Amino acid sequence: MKVRECFRAISAGVDLVAPEASVEEVIASVTRDPASRAVFVVDGDHRLLGIIDARGILSVLGGKYIQSSFGQTRELLATRAADLMRAPHWLSPEDDLEEGLRIAVQHDLHDIPVVEDGRVMGNLDCLEIIVNCRLSPMGG
C-alpha cells in the first residue's frame, strides 16, 4: 500500500513551526491535536528542516531531571524550535508503507512527515502504519 492511500486517515493536519518559533509556540502547536506527537520545523516555503517529537518536548519540560556531566544539556538551553529539532526523515506519498515502517522503527518516529516536491504536505501517523501494514513481525 502506498503512503498516499492512508496518511490522512488519522492525522488530518500537520503541525508546522518556523525555526525561530519559541519553545512555548512549539508546545502550543503540538498540543492543538491530541493525535499529534511531533512538530515539523519548516522554512518559509514549507521545506522540511527538522522534527521535534514529544520526547524532545518532554526533555525541555523535565530538564531538571536530566543527568549530564557537562552541567547543562541542549534541552536546558533550548529557547527556539531550531534548538530542539533533530535531523528530518520523511516519506514521499509514493513510498510503500513498508518504508514508513522501516523509518519509524530505525529512527524512533511516531509521526513521519510526508514530503512532495520538497514541501511538507502531511504526516504519516504510527497508528496508520499499524492499521494498514500487513507485514509479519519477522518481516516475511
C-alpha atoms as a PDB file:
ATOM      1  CA  MET A   1       0.000   0.000   0.000  1.00  0.00           C
ATOM      2  CA  LYS A   2       1.252   3.486  -0.852  1.00  0.00           C
ATOM      3  CA  VAL A   3       1.606   6.221   1.762  1.00  0.00           C
ATOM      4  CA  ARG A   4      -0.722   8.392  -0.366  1.00  0.00           C
ATOM      5  CA  GLU A   5      -3.605   5.976   0.314  1.00  0.00           C
ATOM      6  CA  CYS A   6      -3.588   6.255   4.098  1.00  0.00           C
ATOM      7  CA  PHE A   7      -1.571   9.133   5.553  1.00  0.00           C
ATOM      8  CA  ARG A   8      -4.554  11.420   6.197  1.00  0.00           C
ATOM      9  CA  ALA A   9      -6.795   8.866   7.896  1.00  0.00           C
ATOM     10  CA  ILE A  10      -5.796   9.692  11.473  1.00  0.00           C
ATOM     11  CA  SER A  11      -3.925  12.993  11.340  1.00  0.00           C
ATOM     12  CA  ALA A  12      -5.937  15.397   9.236  1.00  0.00           C
ATOM     13  CA  GLY A  13      -3.498  18.263   9.639  1.00  0.00           C
ATOM     14  CA  VAL A  14       0.177  18.733  10.243  1.00  0.00           C
ATOM     15  CA  ASP A  15       1.902  20.837  12.888  1.00  0.00           C
ATOM     16  CA  LEU A  16       4.451  23.182  11.322  1.00  0.00           C
ATOM     17  CA  VAL A  17       6.646  25.788  13.002  1.00  0.00           C
ATOM     18  CA  ALA A  18       9.420  28.079  11.865  1.00  0.00           C
ATOM     19  CA  PRO A  19      12.954  27.532  13.199  1.00  0.00           C
ATOM     20  CA  GLU A  20      12.694  30.739  15.228  1.00  0.00           C
ATOM     21  CA  ALA A  21       9.428  29.693  16.944  1.00  0.00           C
ATOM     22  CA  SER A  22       9.700  29.754  20.729  1.00  0.00           C
ATOM     23  CA  VAL A  23       9.545  26.576  22.790  1.00  0.00           C
ATOM     24  CA  GLU A  24       6.145  27.792  24.022  1.00  0.00           C
ATOM     25  CA  GLU A  25       4.913  28.041  20.422  1.00  0.00           C
ATOM     26  CA  VAL A  26       6.182  24.506  19.725  1.00  0.00           C
ATOM     27  CA  ILE A  27       4.274  23.194  22.755  1.00  0.00           C
ATOM     28  CA  ALA A  28       1.125  25.094  21.730  1.00  0.00           C
ATOM     29  CA  SER A  29       1.370  23.642  18.219  1.00  0.00           C
ATOM     30  CA  VAL A  30       1.788  20.007  19.269  1.00  0.00           C
ATOM     31  CA  THR A  31      -0.998  20.197  21.872  1.00  0.00           C
ATOM     32  CA  ARG A  32      -3.636  21.514  19.431  1.00  0.00           C
ATOM     33  CA  ASP A  33      -4.331  17.996  18.163  1.00  0.00           C
ATOM     34  CA  PRO A  34      -4.336  15.134  20.702  1.00  0.00           C
ATOM     35  CA  ALA A  35      -3.266  12.689  17.958  1.00  0.00           C
ATOM     36  CA  SER A  36      -0.095  14.669  17.231  1.00  0.00           C
ATOM     37  CA  ARG A  37       3.224  13.592  18.676  1.00  0.00           C
ATOM     38  CA  ALA A  38       5.552  15.766  16.598  1.00  0.00           C
ATOM     39  CA  VAL A  39       6.045  19.207  15.152  1.00  0.00           C
ATOM     40  CA  PHE A  40       7.853  19.695  11.864  1.00  0.00           C
ATOM     41  CA  VAL A  41      10.213  22.644  11.533  1.00  0.00           C
ATOM     42  CA  VAL A  42       9.971  24.224   8.076  1.00  0.00           C
ATOM     43  CA  ASP A  43      11.331  27.224   6.242  1.00  0.00           C
ATOM     44  CA  GLY A  44       9.156  29.909   4.628  1.00  0.00           C
ATOM     45  CA  ASP A  45       8.455  27.632   1.638  1.00  0.00           C
ATOM     46  CA  HIS A  46       7.321  24.723   3.880  1.00  0.00           C
ATOM     47  CA  ARG A  47      10.541  22.811   3.181  1.00  0.00           C
ATOM     48  CA  LEU A  48      11.370  20.392   5.972  1.00  0.00           C
ATOM     49  CA  LEU A  49      14.304  21.383   8.189  1.00  0.00           C
ATOM     50  CA  GLY A  50      13.812  19.148  11.225  1.00  0.00           C
ATOM     51  CA  ILE A  51      11.498  17.260  13.571  1.00  0.00           C
ATOM     52  CA  ILE A  52      10.643  17.910  17.205  1.00  0.00           C
ATOM     53  CA  ASP A  53       8.945  14.931  18.807  1.00  0.00           C
ATOM     54  CA  ALA A  54       7.152  14.563  22.121  1.00  0.00           C
ATOM     55  CA  ARG A  55      10.296  13.166  23.731  1.00  0.00           C
ATOM     56  CA  GLY A  56      12.195  16.355  22.886  1.00  0.00           C
ATOM     57  CA  ILE A  57       9.421  18.491  24.348  1.00  0.00           C
ATOM     58  CA  LEU A  58       9.289  16.354  27.494  1.00  0.00           C
ATOM     59  CA  SER A  59      13.053  16.824  27.865  1.00  0.00           C
ATOM     60  CA  VAL A  60      12.570  20.593  27.919  1.00  0.00           C
ATOM     61  CA  LEU A  61       9.739  20.408  30.433  1.00  0.00           C
ATOM     62  CA  GLY A  62      11.609  17.931  32.641  1.00  0.00           C
ATOM     63  CA  GLY A  63      15.115  19.250  32.029  1.00  0.00           C
ATOM     64  CA  LYS A  64      15.847  19.359  35.751  1.00  0.00           C
ATOM     65  CA  TYR A  65      15.696  15.551  35.780  1.00  0.00           C
ATOM     66  CA  ILE A  66      18.334  15.073  33.078  1.00  0.00           C
ATOM     67  CA  GLN A  67      21.705  13.954  34.378  1.00  0.00           C
ATOM     68  CA  SER A  68      24.589  15.470  32.449  1.00  0.00           C
ATOM     69  CA  SER A  69      28.296  15.505  33.134  1.00  0.00           C
ATOM     70  CA  PHE A  70      28.522  18.832  31.332  1.00  0.00           C
ATOM     71  CA  GLY A  71      26.083  20.552  33.696  1.00  0.00           C
ATOM     72  CA  GLN A  72      23.677  21.754  31.012  1.00  0.00           C
ATOM     73  CA  THR A  73      22.160  19.944  28.088  1.00  0.00           C
ATOM     74  CA  ARG A  74      20.787  21.066  24.754  1.00  0.00           C
ATOM     75  CA  GLU A  75      17.240  20.837  26.157  1.00  0.00           C
ATOM     76  CA  LEU A  76      18.038  23.085  29.120  1.00  0.00           C
ATOM     77  CA  LEU A  77      19.438  25.743  26.794  1.00  0.00           C
ATOM     78  CA  ALA A  78      16.655  25.494  24.200  1.00  0.00           C
ATOM     79  CA  THR A  79      14.767  28.709  23.518  1.00  0.00           C
ATOM     80  CA  ARG A  80      13.504  28.113  19.970  1.00  0.00           C
ATOM     81  CA  ALA A  81      12.473  25.306  17.630  1.00  0.00           C
ATOM     82  CA  ALA A  82      15.861  25.188  15.893  1.00  0.00           C
ATOM     83  CA  ASP A  83      17.469  24.355  19.256  1.00  0.00           C
ATOM     84  CA  LEU A  84      15.284  21.268  19.691  1.00  0.00           C
ATOM     85  CA  MET A  85      14.861  19.870  16.201  1.00  0.00           C
ATOM     86  CA  ARG A  86      16.582  16.729  15.087  1.00  0.00           C
ATOM     87  CA  ALA A  87      17.521  15.672  11.562  1.00  0.00           C
ATOM     88  CA  PRO A  88      14.473  15.007   9.421  1.00  0.00           C
ATOM     89  CA  HIS A  89      13.485  11.662   7.926  1.00  0.00           C
ATOM     90  CA  TRP A  90      10.495  11.686   5.602  1.00  0.00           C
ATOM     91  CA  LEU A  91       8.382   9.763   3.122  1.00  0.00           C
ATOM     92  CA  SER A  92       7.064  10.523  -0.317  1.00  0.00           C
ATOM     93  CA  PRO A  93       3.357   9.915  -0.987  1.00  0.00           C
ATOM     94  CA  GLU A  94       4.508   7.244  -3.470  1.00  0.00           C
ATOM     95  CA  ASP A  95       6.561   5.293  -0.897  1.00  0.00           C
ATOM     96  CA  ASP A  96       5.236   1.966   0.345  1.00  0.00           C
ATOM     97  CA  LEU A  97       4.054   1.588   3.923  1.00  0.00           C
ATOM     98  CA  GLU A  98       6.898  -0.866   4.495  1.00  0.00           C
ATOM     99  CA  GLU A  99       9.287   2.066   4.003  1.00  0.00           C
ATOM    100  CA  GLY A 100       7.261   4.006   6.575  1.00  0.00           C
ATOM    101  CA  LEU A 101       7.578   1.101   8.998  1.00  0.00           C
ATOM    102  CA  ARG A 102      11.342   0.965   8.418  1.00  0.00           C
ATOM    103  CA  ILE A 103      11.792   4.697   9.033  1.00  0.00           C
ATOM    104  CA  ALA A 104       9.546   4.634  12.113  1.00  0.00           C
ATOM    105  CA  VAL A 105      11.490   1.766  13.683  1.00  0.00           C
ATOM    106  CA  GLN A 106      15.017   2.802  12.694  1.00  0.00           C
ATOM    107  CA  HIS A 107      14.593   6.441  13.701  1.00  0.00           C
ATOM    108  CA  ASP A 108      12.131   6.059  16.588  1.00  0.00           C
ATOM    109  CA  LEU A 109       9.435   8.213  14.964  1.00  0.00           C
ATOM    110  CA  HIS A 110       5.721   8.196  15.722  1.00  0.00           C
ATOM    111  CA  ASP A 111       4.839  10.838  13.129  1.00  0.00           C
ATOM    112  CA  ILE A 112       6.703  10.833   9.802  1.00  0.00           C
ATOM    113  CA  PRO A 113       6.475  13.875   7.536  1.00  0.00           C
ATOM    114  CA  VAL A 114       5.121  13.252   4.045  1.00  0.00           C
ATOM    115  CA  VAL A 115       7.026  15.445   1.602  1.00  0.00           C
ATOM    116  CA  GLU A 116       6.144  16.103  -2.032  1.00  0.00           C
ATOM    117  CA  ASP A 117       8.100  18.412  -4.327  1.00  0.00           C
ATOM    118  CA  GLY A 118      10.259  19.353  -1.323  1.00  0.00           C
ATOM    119  CA  ARG A 119       7.322  20.605   0.774  1.00  0.00           C
ATOM    120  CA  VAL A 120       5.604  19.079   3.794  1.00  0.00           C
ATOM    121  CA  MET A 121       2.063  18.100   2.832  1.00  0.00           C
ATOM    122  CA  GLY A 122       1.114  15.963   5.820  1.00  0.00           C
ATOM    123  CA  ASN A 123       2.302  13.274   8.151  1.00  0.00           C
ATOM    124  CA  LEU A 124       2.048   9.510   8.451  1.00  0.00           C
ATOM    125  CA  ASP A 125       0.951   8.621  11.968  1.00  0.00           C
ATOM    126  CA  CYS A 126       2.342   5.420  13.511  1.00  0.00           C
ATOM    127  CA  LEU A 127      -1.233   4.204  14.022  1.00  0.00           C
ATOM    128  CA  GLU A 128      -1.816   4.487  10.272  1.00  0.00           C
ATOM    129  CA  ILE A 129       1.146   2.160   9.771  1.00  0.00           C
ATOM    130  CA  ILE A 130      -0.163  -0.308  12.369  1.00  0.00           C
ATOM    131  CA  VAL A 131      -3.691  -0.348  10.939  1.00  0.00           C
ATOM    132  CA  ASN A 132      -2.612  -0.660   7.306  1.00  0.00           C
ATOM    133  CA  CYS A 133       0.614  -2.661   7.386  1.00  0.00           C
ATOM    134  CA  ARG A 134       0.069  -6.360   6.833  1.00  0.00           C
ATOM    135  CA  LEU A 135       3.638  -7.491   7.426  1.00  0.00           C
ATOM    136  CA  SER A 136       4.607 -10.337   9.693  1.00  0.00           C
ATOM    137  CA  PRO A 137       6.664  -9.301  12.766  1.00  0.00           C
ATOM    138  CA  MET A 138       9.710 -11.042  11.267  1.00  0.00           C
ATOM    139  CA  GLY A 139       9.395  -9.064   8.012  1.00  0.00           C
ATOM    140  CA  GLY A 140       8.339 -12.062   5.905  1.00  0.00           C
END
